[in-house]
Amino acid sequence: IRPLVYRIAYCVSREENRSQNSEARSQNLG
């Protein structure tokens, strides 16, 4: 795949993971 496409996909997936991780963290702490 092209580096640019890879970077875009990486950023998008990281944004999604951040929101999911924040929810998972609150559940684990609670």
N, C-alpha and C. Protein backbone atom coordinates (compact mmCIF):
# COMPACT_ATOMS: atom_id res chain seq x y z
N ILE A 1 0.84 -1.22 0.00
CA ILE A 1 0.00 0.00 0.00
C ILE A 1 0.87 1.26 0.00
N ARG A 2 0.30 2.35 -0.42
CA ARG A 2 1.06 3.60 -0.47
C ARG A 2 1.26 4.15 0.94
N PRO A 3 2.41 4.77 1.19
CA PRO A 3 2.70 5.34 2.52
C PRO A 3 1.63 6.31 2.96
N LEU A 4 1.14 7.15 2.05
CA LEU A 4 0.14 8.14 2.43
C LEU A 4 -1.15 7.45 2.89
N VAL A 5 -1.57 6.45 2.14
CA VAL A 5 -2.79 5.72 2.52
C VAL A 5 -2.59 5.03 3.86
N TYR A 6 -1.40 4.49 4.06
CA TYR A 6 -1.11 3.81 5.32
C TYR A 6 -1.17 4.79 6.48
N ARG A 7 -0.61 5.98 6.28
CA ARG A 7 -0.62 6.98 7.36
C ARG A 7 -2.03 7.41 7.69
N ILE A 8 -2.86 7.61 6.66
CA ILE A 8 -4.25 8.02 6.90
C ILE A 8 -4.99 6.93 7.66
N ALA A 9 -4.84 5.70 7.22
CA ALA A 9 -5.53 4.59 7.89
C ALA A 9 -5.04 4.46 9.33
N TYR A 10 -3.75 4.67 9.53
CA TYR A 10 -3.18 4.57 10.87
C TYR A 10 -3.77 5.64 11.79
N CYS A 11 -3.86 6.86 11.29
CA CYS A 11 -4.41 7.95 12.10
C CYS A 11 -5.88 7.69 12.43
N VAL A 12 -6.63 7.24 11.46
CA VAL A 12 -8.06 6.98 11.67
C VAL A 12 -8.25 5.88 12.70
N SER A 13 -7.49 4.79 12.54
CA SER A 13 -7.63 3.67 13.47
C SER A 13 -7.20 4.09 14.87
N ARG A 14 -6.18 4.96 14.95
CA ARG A 14 -5.71 5.40 16.26
C ARG A 14 -6.77 6.26 16.95
N GLU A 15 -7.45 7.10 16.18
CA GLU A 15 -8.52 7.92 16.76
C GLU A 15 -9.63 7.03 17.30
N GLU A 16 -9.99 5.98 16.54
CA GLU A 16 -11.05 5.08 16.98
C GLU A 16 -10.62 4.32 18.22
N ASN A 17 -9.36 3.88 18.23
CA ASN A 17 -8.86 3.13 19.38
C ASN A 17 -8.82 4.00 20.62
N ARG A 18 -8.52 5.30 20.44
CA ARG A 18 -8.44 6.19 21.60
C ARG A 18 -9.80 6.27 22.29
N SER A 19 -10.87 6.43 21.52
CA SER A 19 -12.20 6.54 22.11
C SER A 19 -12.60 5.22 22.77
N GLN A 20 -12.27 4.10 22.14
CA GLN A 20 -12.62 2.80 22.71
C GLN A 20 -11.81 2.54 23.97
N ASN A 21 -10.52 2.93 23.95
CA ASN A 21 -9.67 2.69 25.11
C ASN A 21 -10.13 3.53 26.30
N SER A 22 -10.57 4.75 26.05
CA SER A 22 -11.02 5.60 27.14
C SER A 22 -12.25 4.97 27.82
N GLU A 23 -13.14 4.39 27.01
CA GLU A 23 -14.32 3.73 27.58
C GLU A 23 -13.90 2.48 28.35
N ALA A 24 -12.97 1.72 27.78
CA ALA A 24 -12.53 0.48 28.44
C ALA A 24 -11.83 0.82 29.75
N ARG A 25 -11.05 1.90 29.76
CA ARG A 25 -10.34 2.29 30.98
C ARG A 25 -11.34 2.63 32.08
N SER A 26 -12.36 3.39 31.76
CA SER A 26 -13.33 3.78 32.78
C SER A 26 -14.05 2.54 33.32
N GLN A 27 -14.32 1.58 32.45
CA GLN A 27 -14.99 0.35 32.90
C GLN A 27 -14.06 -0.46 33.80
N ASN A 28 -12.77 -0.54 33.42
CA ASN A 28 -11.82 -1.32 34.23
C ASN A 28 -11.62 -0.68 35.60
N LEU A 29 -11.56 0.65 35.63
CA LEU A 29 -11.36 1.32 36.92
C LEU A 29 -12.60 1.19 37.79
N GLY A 30 -13.76 1.21 37.14
CA GLY A 30 -15.00 1.16 37.89
C GLY A 30 -15.32 -0.25 38.36
